[in-house]
């Protein structure tokens, strides 16, 4: 499965990305590039 990185930070897979979004952390990570 594809692995997702934001900057140099390994996020994980699609489920992990959705978890970050539901926790409100994805926008912060994208804004900071990590």
PDB file of N, CA and C in Angstrom:
ATOM      1  N   UNK A   1       0.837  -1.187   0.000  1.00  0.00           N
ATOM      2  CA  UNK A   1       0.000   0.000   0.000  1.00  0.00           C
ATOM      3  C   UNK A   1       0.878   1.245   0.000  1.00  0.00           C
ATOM      4  N   UNK A   2       0.375   2.316  -0.568  1.00  0.00           N
ATOM      5  CA  UNK A   2       1.164   3.555  -0.581  1.00  0.00           C
ATOM      6  C   UNK A   2       1.378   4.081   0.842  1.00  0.00           C
ATOM      7  N   UNK A   3       2.534   4.637   1.059  1.00  0.00           N
ATOM      8  CA  UNK A   3       2.855   5.274   2.329  1.00  0.00           C
ATOM      9  C   UNK A   3       2.908   6.777   2.096  1.00  0.00           C
ATOM     10  N   UNK A   4       2.348   7.536   3.018  1.00  0.00           N
ATOM     11  CA  UNK A   4       2.203   8.981   2.863  1.00  0.00           C
ATOM     12  C   UNK A   4       3.216   9.688   3.750  1.00  0.00           C
ATOM     13  N   UNK A   5       3.878  10.666   3.164  1.00  0.00           N
ATOM     14  CA  UNK A   5       4.815  11.521   3.888  1.00  0.00           C
ATOM     15  C   UNK A   5       4.353  12.962   3.749  1.00  0.00           C
ATOM     16  N   UNK A   6       4.508  13.735   4.814  1.00  0.00           N
ATOM     17  CA  UNK A   6       4.318  15.183   4.768  1.00  0.00           C
ATOM     18  C   UNK A   6       5.664  15.763   5.161  1.00  0.00           C
ATOM     19  N   UNK A   7       6.321  16.356   4.190  1.00  0.00           N
ATOM     20  CA  UNK A   7       7.707  16.758   4.406  1.00  0.00           C
ATOM     21  C   UNK A   7       8.526  15.506   4.631  1.00  0.00           C
ATOM     22  N   UNK A   8       9.281  15.465   5.712  1.00  0.00           N
ATOM     23  CA  UNK A   8      10.081  14.289   6.047  1.00  0.00           C
ATOM     24  C   UNK A   8       9.376  13.363   7.028  1.00  0.00           C
ATOM     25  N   UNK A   9       8.158  13.719   7.428  1.00  0.00           N
ATOM     26  CA  UNK A   9       7.432  12.948   8.433  1.00  0.00           C
ATOM     27  C   UNK A   9       6.591  11.860   7.780  1.00  0.00           C
ATOM     28  N   UNK A  10       6.789  10.629   8.221  1.00  0.00           N
ATOM     29  CA  UNK A  10       6.002   9.507   7.731  1.00  0.00           C
ATOM     30  C   UNK A  10       4.654   9.517   8.437  1.00  0.00           C
ATOM     31  N   UNK A  11       3.580   9.662   7.654  1.00  0.00           N
ATOM     32  CA  UNK A  11       2.230   9.697   8.205  1.00  0.00           C
ATOM     33  C   UNK A  11       1.678   8.283   8.330  1.00  0.00           C
ATOM     34  N   UNK A  12       1.935   7.462   7.352  1.00  0.00           N
ATOM     35  CA  UNK A  12       1.404   6.100   7.333  1.00  0.00           C
ATOM     36  C   UNK A  12       0.604   5.899   6.068  1.00  0.00           C
ATOM     37  N   UNK A  13      -0.488   5.195   6.180  1.00  0.00           N
ATOM     38  CA  UNK A  13      -1.342   4.925   5.034  1.00  0.00           C
ATOM     39  C   UNK A  13      -2.575   5.810   5.029  1.00  0.00           C
ATOM     40  N   UNK A  14      -3.510   5.441   4.188  1.00  0.00           N
ATOM     41  CA  UNK A  14      -4.734   6.230   4.009  1.00  0.00           C
ATOM     42  C   UNK A  14      -5.536   6.330   5.309  1.00  0.00           C
ATOM     43  N   UNK A  15      -5.661   5.216   6.029  1.00  0.00           N
ATOM     44  CA  UNK A  15      -6.408   5.241   7.290  1.00  0.00           C
ATOM     45  C   UNK A  15      -5.776   6.206   8.282  1.00  0.00           C
ATOM     46  N   UNK A  16      -4.449   6.220   8.321  1.00  0.00           N
ATOM     47  CA  UNK A  16      -3.741   7.132   9.222  1.00  0.00           C
ATOM     48  C   UNK A  16      -3.989   8.584   8.832  1.00  0.00           C
ATOM     49  N   UNK A  17      -4.028   8.843   7.525  1.00  0.00           N
ATOM     50  CA  UNK A  17      -4.298  10.193   7.039  1.00  0.00           C
ATOM     51  C   UNK A  17      -5.697  10.636   7.454  1.00  0.00           C
ATOM     52  N   UNK A  18      -6.666   9.742   7.317  1.00  0.00           N
ATOM     53  CA  UNK A  18      -8.036  10.056   7.728  1.00  0.00           C
ATOM     54  C   UNK A  18      -8.119  10.283   9.237  1.00  0.00           C
ATOM     55  N   UNK A  19      -7.367   9.512  10.007  1.00  0.00           N
ATOM     56  CA  UNK A  19      -7.345   9.705  11.459  1.00  0.00           C
ATOM     57  C   UNK A  19      -6.810  11.086  11.823  1.00  0.00           C
ATOM     58  N   UNK A  20      -5.726  11.511  11.148  1.00  0.00           N
ATOM     59  CA  UNK A  20      -5.175  12.844  11.401  1.00  0.00           C
ATOM     60  C   UNK A  20      -6.204  13.922  11.094  1.00  0.00           C
ATOM     61  N   UNK A  21      -6.934  13.744   9.997  1.00  0.00           N
ATOM     62  CA  UNK A  21      -7.960  14.721   9.618  1.00  0.00           C
ATOM     63  C   UNK A  21      -9.068  14.767  10.665  1.00  0.00           C
ATOM     64  N   UNK A  22      -9.521  13.612  11.120  1.00  0.00           N
ATOM     65  CA  UNK A  22     -10.615  13.581  12.096  1.00  0.00           C
ATOM     66  C   UNK A  22     -10.189  14.157  13.444  1.00  0.00           C
ATOM     67  N   UNK A  23      -8.884  14.107  13.735  1.00  0.00           N
ATOM     68  CA  UNK A  23      -8.354  14.670  14.978  1.00  0.00           C
ATOM     69  C   UNK A  23      -8.009  16.152  14.844  1.00  0.00           C
ATOM     70  N   UNK A  24      -8.147  16.694  13.627  1.00  0.00           N
ATOM     71  CA  UNK A  24      -7.830  18.099  13.399  1.00  0.00           C
ATOM     72  C   UNK A  24      -6.342  18.381  13.301  1.00  0.00           C
ATOM     73  N   UNK A  25      -5.523  17.351  13.110  1.00  0.00           N
ATOM     74  CA  UNK A  25      -4.069  17.530  13.082  1.00  0.00           C
ATOM     75  C   UNK A  25      -3.504  17.640  11.673  1.00  0.00           C
ATOM     76  N   UNK A  26      -4.279  17.227  10.661  1.00  0.00           N
ATOM     77  CA  UNK A  26      -3.757  17.203   9.302  1.00  0.00           C
ATOM     78  C   UNK A  26      -3.445  18.605   8.790  1.00  0.00           C
ATOM     79  N   UNK A  27      -4.352  19.551   8.982  1.00  0.00           N
ATOM     80  CA  UNK A  27      -4.127  20.914   8.491  1.00  0.00           C
ATOM     81  C   UNK A  27      -2.876  21.532   9.109  1.00  0.00           C
ATOM     82  N   UNK A  28      -2.650  21.261  10.386  1.00  0.00           N
ATOM     83  CA  UNK A  28      -1.464  21.785  11.069  1.00  0.00           C
ATOM     84  C   UNK A  28      -0.204  21.190  10.456  1.00  0.00           C
ATOM     85  N   UNK A  29      -0.222  19.884  10.221  1.00  0.00           N
ATOM     86  CA  UNK A  29       0.949  19.229   9.629  1.00  0.00           C
ATOM     87  C   UNK A  29       1.215  19.762   8.227  1.00  0.00           C
ATOM     88  N   UNK A  30       0.163  19.952   7.444  1.00  0.00           N
ATOM     89  CA  UNK A  30       0.336  20.463   6.087  1.00  0.00           C
ATOM     90  C   UNK A  30       0.855  21.897   6.104  1.00  0.00           C
ATOM     91  N   UNK A  31       0.361  22.708   7.022  1.00  0.00           N
ATOM     92  CA  UNK A  31       0.802  24.101   7.106  1.00  0.00           C
ATOM     93  C   UNK A  31       2.273  24.187   7.513  1.00  0.00           C
ATOM     94  N   UNK A  32       2.693  23.267   8.383  1.00  0.00           N
ATOM     95  CA  UNK A  32       4.073  23.267   8.864  1.00  0.00           C
ATOM     96  C   UNK A  32       5.001  22.470   7.967  1.00  0.00           C
ATOM     97  N   UNK A  33       4.445  21.720   7.043  1.00  0.00           N
ATOM     98  CA  UNK A  33       5.258  20.892   6.170  1.00  0.00           C
ATOM     99  C   UNK A  33       5.897  19.721   6.883  1.00  0.00           C
ATOM    100  N   UNK A  34       5.304  19.314   8.000  1.00  0.00           N
ATOM    101  CA  UNK A  34       5.806  18.156   8.745  1.00  0.00           C
ATOM    102  C   UNK A  34       4.699  17.540   9.554  1.00  0.00           C
TER     103      UNK A  34
END
